[in-house]
N, C-alpha and C. Protein backbone atom coordinates (compact mmCIF):
# COMPACT_ATOMS: atom_id res chain seq x y z
N MET A 1 -63.93 -107.10 -125.80
CA MET A 1 -63.19 -106.32 -125.22
C MET A 1 -62.95 -105.52 -125.39
N ALA A 2 -63.27 -103.89 -125.71
CA ALA A 2 -62.74 -102.86 -126.27
C ALA A 2 -61.40 -102.71 -126.70
N ASP A 3 -60.83 -101.84 -127.46
CA ASP A 3 -59.46 -102.06 -128.11
C ASP A 3 -58.27 -101.23 -126.75
N SER A 4 -58.53 -100.35 -126.12
CA SER A 4 -58.88 -99.80 -124.51
C SER A 4 -58.61 -101.07 -123.37
N GLU A 5 -58.94 -101.38 -123.35
CA GLU A 5 -58.84 -102.10 -121.77
C GLU A 5 -58.20 -103.68 -121.26
N PRO A 6 -56.87 -103.50 -120.90
CA PRO A 6 -56.19 -104.66 -120.75
C PRO A 6 -56.61 -105.71 -121.17
N GLU A 7 -55.88 -106.90 -121.64
CA GLU A 7 -56.01 -108.84 -120.80
C GLU A 7 -56.23 -109.20 -119.96
N PRO A 8 -57.34 -109.75 -119.57
CA PRO A 8 -56.70 -110.50 -118.24
C PRO A 8 -55.83 -111.33 -118.21
N ASP A 9 -55.30 -110.67 -117.10
CA ASP A 9 -53.76 -112.39 -116.93
C ASP A 9 -53.70 -112.31 -115.46
N ILE A 10 -53.55 -113.75 -115.23
CA ILE A 10 -52.44 -114.53 -113.66
C ILE A 10 -51.80 -114.51 -113.89
N ALA A 11 -51.11 -114.56 -112.10
CA ALA A 11 -49.70 -114.34 -111.93
C ALA A 11 -49.38 -114.82 -110.88
N VAL A 12 -49.14 -116.38 -111.02
CA VAL A 12 -48.76 -117.32 -110.03
C VAL A 12 -47.19 -117.11 -109.14
N VAL A 13 -47.86 -116.76 -107.75
CA VAL A 13 -45.95 -116.24 -107.46
C VAL A 13 -45.12 -117.12 -105.99
N PRO A 14 -44.64 -117.83 -105.69
CA PRO A 14 -44.36 -118.19 -104.83
C PRO A 14 -43.89 -117.53 -103.17
N GLY A 15 -44.96 -118.37 -101.90
CA GLY A 15 -43.91 -116.67 -101.15
C GLY A 15 -45.68 -116.34 -100.50
N SER A 16 -45.69 -115.37 -99.10
CA SER A 16 -47.01 -115.45 -98.96
C SER A 16 -47.16 -114.20 -98.44
N GLU A 17 -48.70 -113.07 -98.96
CA GLU A 17 -48.99 -112.07 -98.33
C GLU A 17 -47.44 -111.30 -98.31
N GLU A 18 -47.66 -111.46 -97.49
CA GLU A 18 -46.36 -111.16 -96.28
C GLU A 18 -44.69 -110.53 -97.21
N ASP A 19 -44.49 -111.77 -97.58
CA ASP A 19 -43.60 -111.43 -98.66
C ASP A 19 -43.92 -109.79 -100.09
N PHE A 20 -44.53 -109.86 -99.25
CA PHE A 20 -45.37 -108.94 -100.68
C PHE A 20 -45.60 -106.94 -100.97
N VAL A 21 -45.51 -106.91 -99.47
CA VAL A 21 -46.67 -105.93 -98.31
C VAL A 21 -44.83 -104.12 -99.17
N GLN A 22 -43.64 -105.02 -99.12
CA GLN A 22 -42.60 -104.02 -99.15
C GLN A 22 -42.05 -104.09 -101.00
N LYS A 23 -43.25 -105.22 -101.72
CA LYS A 23 -41.39 -105.48 -102.97
C LYS A 23 -42.32 -105.75 -103.82
N HIS A 24 -41.94 -105.74 -104.74
CA HIS A 24 -43.78 -106.38 -105.90
C HIS A 24 -42.23 -108.10 -105.94
N PRO A 25 -43.48 -108.88 -106.68
CA PRO A 25 -42.71 -109.98 -107.29
C PRO A 25 -41.39 -110.58 -107.93
N ARG A 26 -40.79 -110.69 -108.40
CA ARG A 26 -39.55 -110.24 -108.71
C ARG A 26 -39.54 -111.59 -110.36
N THR A 27 -40.29 -112.56 -110.17
CA THR A 27 -40.39 -113.78 -110.83
C THR A 27 -41.91 -114.59 -111.13
N ALA A 28 -42.85 -115.53 -111.29
CA ALA A 28 -43.37 -116.11 -111.53
C ALA A 28 -43.30 -117.79 -111.81
N GLU A 29 -44.10 -118.40 -110.73
CA GLU A 29 -44.36 -120.18 -111.54
C GLU A 29 -44.85 -119.80 -112.57
N LEU A 30 -46.05 -119.26 -112.79
CA LEU A 30 -46.97 -119.51 -113.87
C LEU A 30 -47.41 -118.29 -114.30
N VAL A 31 -47.00 -118.21 -115.45
CA VAL A 31 -48.41 -116.38 -115.86
C VAL A 31 -49.31 -116.79 -116.69
N ILE A 32 -50.31 -116.35 -117.41
CA ILE A 32 -51.76 -117.29 -117.79
C ILE A 32 -51.74 -115.81 -117.86
N GLU A 33 -51.70 -115.51 -119.88
CA GLU A 33 -52.57 -114.71 -120.50
C GLU A 33 -53.58 -114.60 -121.34
N VAL A 34 -54.76 -114.49 -121.51
CA VAL A 34 -56.23 -114.83 -121.27
C VAL A 34 -56.13 -114.30 -122.73
N ALA A 35 -56.17 -114.09 -124.00
CA ALA A 35 -55.67 -113.64 -125.31
C ALA A 35 -56.82 -113.11 -125.52
N VAL A 36 -58.17 -112.25 -125.01
CA VAL A 36 -59.34 -111.48 -126.15
C VAL A 36 -59.67 -111.72 -127.36
N SER A 37 -57.87 -110.24 -128.02
CA SER A 37 -58.14 -110.16 -128.84
C SER A 37 -56.38 -109.99 -129.31
N SER A 38 -55.81 -110.38 -128.69
CA SER A 38 -53.89 -110.49 -129.60
C SER A 38 -53.16 -111.70 -128.47
N PRO A 39 -53.69 -112.66 -129.64
CA PRO A 39 -52.91 -114.29 -129.25
C PRO A 39 -51.34 -113.64 -129.71
N ALA A 40 -51.32 -113.42 -131.24
CA ALA A 40 -50.46 -113.89 -131.88
C ALA A 40 -48.86 -112.53 -130.70
N LEU A 41 -49.44 -110.81 -129.85
CA LEU A 41 -49.02 -110.61 -129.34
C LEU A 41 -48.49 -110.80 -127.72
N ASP A 42 -49.93 -111.96 -127.32
CA ASP A 42 -48.83 -113.25 -126.53
C ASP A 42 -47.96 -113.68 -126.34
N ARG A 43 -47.79 -114.24 -128.48
CA ARG A 43 -47.21 -115.37 -128.70
C ARG A 43 -45.39 -114.20 -128.72
N ALA A 44 -45.65 -113.33 -128.72
CA ALA A 44 -44.91 -112.81 -128.72
C ALA A 44 -43.68 -112.74 -128.21
N ASN A 45 -44.26 -112.16 -126.39
CA ASN A 45 -44.04 -111.78 -125.30
C ASN A 45 -43.47 -112.78 -124.62
N ALA A 46 -43.70 -114.28 -124.88
CA ALA A 46 -43.14 -115.27 -124.29
C ALA A 46 -41.35 -115.28 -124.06
N SER A 47 -40.72 -114.32 -125.21
CA SER A 47 -38.93 -114.40 -125.26
C SER A 47 -39.65 -113.67 -123.23
N LEU A 48 -39.68 -112.17 -123.25
CA LEU A 48 -40.78 -111.72 -121.80
C LEU A 48 -40.30 -112.01 -121.19
N TYR A 49 -41.30 -113.55 -120.89
CA TYR A 49 -41.62 -114.22 -119.37
C TYR A 49 -39.76 -115.24 -119.60
N ALA A 50 -39.67 -115.53 -120.32
CA ALA A 50 -38.56 -116.45 -120.44
C ALA A 50 -36.23 -115.94 -119.91
N GLU A 51 -36.84 -114.68 -120.61
CA GLU A 51 -36.13 -113.81 -119.56
C GLU A 51 -35.89 -114.07 -118.42
N ALA A 52 -36.98 -113.71 -117.33
CA ALA A 52 -38.06 -113.11 -115.81
C ALA A 52 -37.56 -114.65 -116.53
N GLN A 53 -37.47 -115.30 -116.11
CA GLN A 53 -37.54 -116.97 -116.01
C GLN A 53 -38.92 -117.20 -115.33
N VAL A 54 -39.97 -117.36 -115.29
CA VAL A 54 -40.75 -117.55 -115.95
C VAL A 54 -41.29 -119.22 -115.04
N ALA A 55 -41.25 -119.82 -114.82
CA ALA A 55 -41.68 -122.14 -115.46
C ALA A 55 -42.44 -121.56 -115.85
N GLU A 56 -43.75 -120.96 -116.08
CA GLU A 56 -44.36 -121.65 -117.44
C GLU A 56 -45.74 -120.22 -117.78
N TYR A 57 -45.57 -120.50 -118.51
CA TYR A 57 -45.98 -119.22 -119.61
C TYR A 57 -47.77 -120.21 -120.47
N TRP A 58 -49.11 -118.83 -120.25
CA TRP A 58 -49.95 -120.10 -121.45
C TRP A 58 -50.82 -119.32 -120.93
N ILE A 59 -50.86 -119.48 -122.57
CA ILE A 59 -51.96 -118.65 -123.02
C ILE A 59 -53.03 -119.12 -123.81
N VAL A 60 -54.67 -118.48 -123.57
CA VAL A 60 -55.70 -118.87 -123.25
C VAL A 60 -55.97 -118.76 -124.71
N PRO A 61 -55.94 -118.57 -125.82
CA PRO A 61 -57.27 -116.99 -126.78
C PRO A 61 -57.89 -118.11 -127.36
N GLY A 62 -58.74 -118.33 -125.94
CA GLY A 62 -60.35 -117.80 -125.45
C GLY A 62 -62.14 -118.40 -126.94
N LEU A 63 -61.85 -117.25 -128.42
CA LEU A 63 -62.20 -118.17 -129.42
C LEU A 63 -61.74 -119.63 -129.64
N GLU A 64 -60.46 -119.87 -129.70
CA GLU A 64 -59.55 -120.75 -130.69
C GLU A 64 -59.73 -122.00 -129.27
N LYS A 65 -60.29 -122.24 -127.58
CA LYS A 65 -60.88 -123.87 -127.08
C LYS A 65 -59.74 -124.38 -127.44
N ARG A 66 -58.40 -123.67 -126.31
CA ARG A 66 -57.27 -124.16 -126.54
C ARG A 66 -56.14 -123.76 -125.85
N VAL A 67 -55.44 -123.74 -125.20
CA VAL A 67 -54.49 -123.66 -124.19
C VAL A 67 -52.78 -123.98 -125.15
N GLU A 68 -52.25 -122.96 -124.72
CA GLU A 68 -51.17 -123.39 -125.46
C GLU A 68 -50.31 -123.03 -123.89
N VAL A 69 -49.00 -123.80 -124.02
CA VAL A 69 -48.33 -124.42 -122.15
C VAL A 69 -46.83 -123.30 -122.79
N TYR A 70 -46.06 -122.82 -122.85
CA TYR A 70 -44.74 -122.84 -122.83
C TYR A 70 -44.02 -123.33 -121.53
N ARG A 71 -43.31 -124.34 -121.38
CA ARG A 71 -42.66 -124.39 -120.30
C ARG A 71 -40.70 -124.52 -120.78
N ARG A 72 -39.69 -124.84 -119.81
CA ARG A 72 -37.98 -124.72 -119.70
C ARG A 72 -38.06 -123.02 -119.90
N PRO A 73 -37.57 -122.20 -119.26
CA PRO A 73 -37.17 -120.76 -119.95
C PRO A 73 -36.02 -120.84 -119.65
N ALA A 74 -35.39 -120.88 -121.35
CA ALA A 74 -34.01 -121.00 -121.15
C ALA A 74 -33.16 -119.55 -122.54
N ASP A 75 -32.88 -118.33 -121.81
CA ASP A 75 -31.78 -117.62 -122.90
C ASP A 75 -32.94 -117.29 -123.29
N GLY A 76 -33.75 -116.73 -122.58
CA GLY A 76 -34.40 -115.27 -123.36
C GLY A 76 -35.59 -116.30 -124.56
N ARG A 77 -35.77 -117.88 -124.06
CA ARG A 77 -36.89 -118.03 -125.04
C ARG A 77 -37.00 -119.39 -123.76
N TYR A 78 -38.19 -120.09 -124.18
CA TYR A 78 -38.98 -121.27 -123.00
C TYR A 78 -38.39 -122.81 -124.42
N LEU A 79 -38.01 -124.26 -124.20
CA LEU A 79 -37.51 -124.80 -124.55
C LEU A 79 -37.95 -125.80 -125.05
N GLU A 80 -39.53 -126.27 -124.67
CA GLU A 80 -40.96 -126.80 -124.22
C GLU A 80 -42.14 -126.37 -125.91
N THR A 81 -43.18 -125.70 -126.27
CA THR A 81 -44.38 -125.78 -126.18
C THR A 81 -45.10 -126.43 -126.75
N HIS A 82 -46.61 -126.91 -126.57
CA HIS A 82 -47.58 -127.68 -125.81
C HIS A 82 -48.40 -127.20 -126.12
N LEU A 83 -49.22 -127.60 -126.91
CA LEU A 83 -51.06 -127.08 -127.26
C LEU A 83 -52.35 -128.02 -126.75
N PHE A 84 -53.28 -127.92 -126.37
CA PHE A 84 -53.83 -128.32 -125.27
C PHE A 84 -54.95 -128.26 -126.10
N GLU A 85 -55.74 -129.28 -125.93
CA GLU A 85 -57.39 -129.90 -127.36
C GLU A 85 -58.33 -129.96 -125.90
N GLY A 86 -59.15 -130.02 -126.53
CA GLY A 86 -60.34 -130.84 -126.57
C GLY A 86 -60.57 -131.27 -125.29
N GLN A 87 -60.25 -132.80 -124.55
CA GLN A 87 -60.84 -132.26 -123.75
C GLN A 87 -59.39 -133.65 -122.03
N GLU A 88 -58.04 -132.33 -122.76
CA GLU A 88 -57.41 -132.60 -122.38
C GLU A 88 -56.76 -132.21 -121.19
N VAL A 89 -56.22 -133.12 -119.73
CA VAL A 89 -56.30 -131.76 -118.70
C VAL A 89 -54.43 -131.54 -118.98
N ILE A 90 -53.85 -130.32 -118.24
CA ILE A 90 -52.73 -129.48 -117.93
C ILE A 90 -52.44 -129.77 -116.64
N GLU A 91 -51.15 -129.77 -116.70
CA GLU A 91 -50.49 -130.14 -115.06
C GLU A 91 -49.10 -128.63 -114.63
N HIS A 92 -48.81 -128.34 -114.41
CA HIS A 92 -47.65 -127.55 -113.94
C HIS A 92 -47.20 -128.30 -114.43
N ALA A 93 -45.80 -128.40 -114.07
CA ALA A 93 -44.91 -129.20 -114.55
C ALA A 93 -43.95 -129.05 -113.09
N GLY A 94 -43.64 -127.21 -111.74
CA GLY A 94 -43.62 -127.65 -110.88
C GLY A 94 -44.53 -126.70 -109.54
N ILE A 95 -45.18 -127.56 -110.09
CA ILE A 95 -47.16 -127.51 -108.24
C ILE A 95 -47.86 -129.17 -108.59
N PRO A 96 -46.87 -129.18 -107.70
CA PRO A 96 -48.17 -130.60 -107.01
C PRO A 96 -48.89 -129.71 -107.92
N GLY A 97 -50.51 -130.88 -108.04
CA GLY A 97 -51.80 -131.25 -107.64
C GLY A 97 -52.56 -129.99 -108.59
N LEU A 98 -51.73 -129.15 -109.48
CA LEU A 98 -52.27 -127.28 -109.73
C LEU A 98 -52.58 -128.94 -111.33
N ARG A 99 -53.95 -128.47 -111.68
CA ARG A 99 -54.10 -129.30 -112.73
C ARG A 99 -55.58 -128.87 -113.24
N LEU A 100 -55.16 -128.14 -114.82
CA LEU A 100 -56.40 -127.73 -115.61
C LEU A 100 -57.18 -128.26 -116.05
N SER A 101 -58.13 -128.95 -116.50
CA SER A 101 -59.25 -129.53 -117.10
C SER A 101 -59.68 -128.32 -118.55
N LEU A 102 -59.75 -128.66 -119.50
CA LEU A 102 -60.33 -127.68 -120.15
C LEU A 102 -61.65 -127.65 -120.42
N VAL A 103 -62.11 -128.94 -120.03
CA VAL A 103 -63.55 -129.55 -120.16
C VAL A 103 -64.17 -129.12 -118.71
N ASP A 104 -63.21 -128.29 -118.63
CA ASP A 104 -63.96 -127.05 -117.00
C ASP A 104 -64.42 -125.41 -117.47
N ILE A 105 -63.21 -125.49 -118.39
CA ILE A 105 -62.84 -123.73 -119.27
C ILE A 105 -63.55 -124.04 -120.33
N PHE A 106 -64.04 -124.53 -121.50
CA PHE A 106 -64.78 -124.43 -122.62
C PHE A 106 -65.19 -125.53 -122.15
N PRO A 107 -66.56 -126.03 -121.58
CA PRO A 107 -67.17 -126.66 -121.43
C PRO A 107 -68.07 -126.53 -123.24
């Protein structure tokens, strides 16, 4: 990816499309950063998501084949940090049924 291209990210927000026709979401249940070129910057940005009360923040440093999960935002930081590798499965703490197997994304 070229330096001028933004890294991909995904946000999961509660509500329907109609809820956001006139306004942008104020927070999210989950933000996933695919950190192709700057995992350190994404780690530093965790405090911004915690301040915005994003319930979970996942960083996928693709070249490392693992996922860093940050949970329980409070006072501008996340109280829990988990590292998932190998054949582990990540389950979102607040969205029932949202599961991601690392073997599915890192074959």
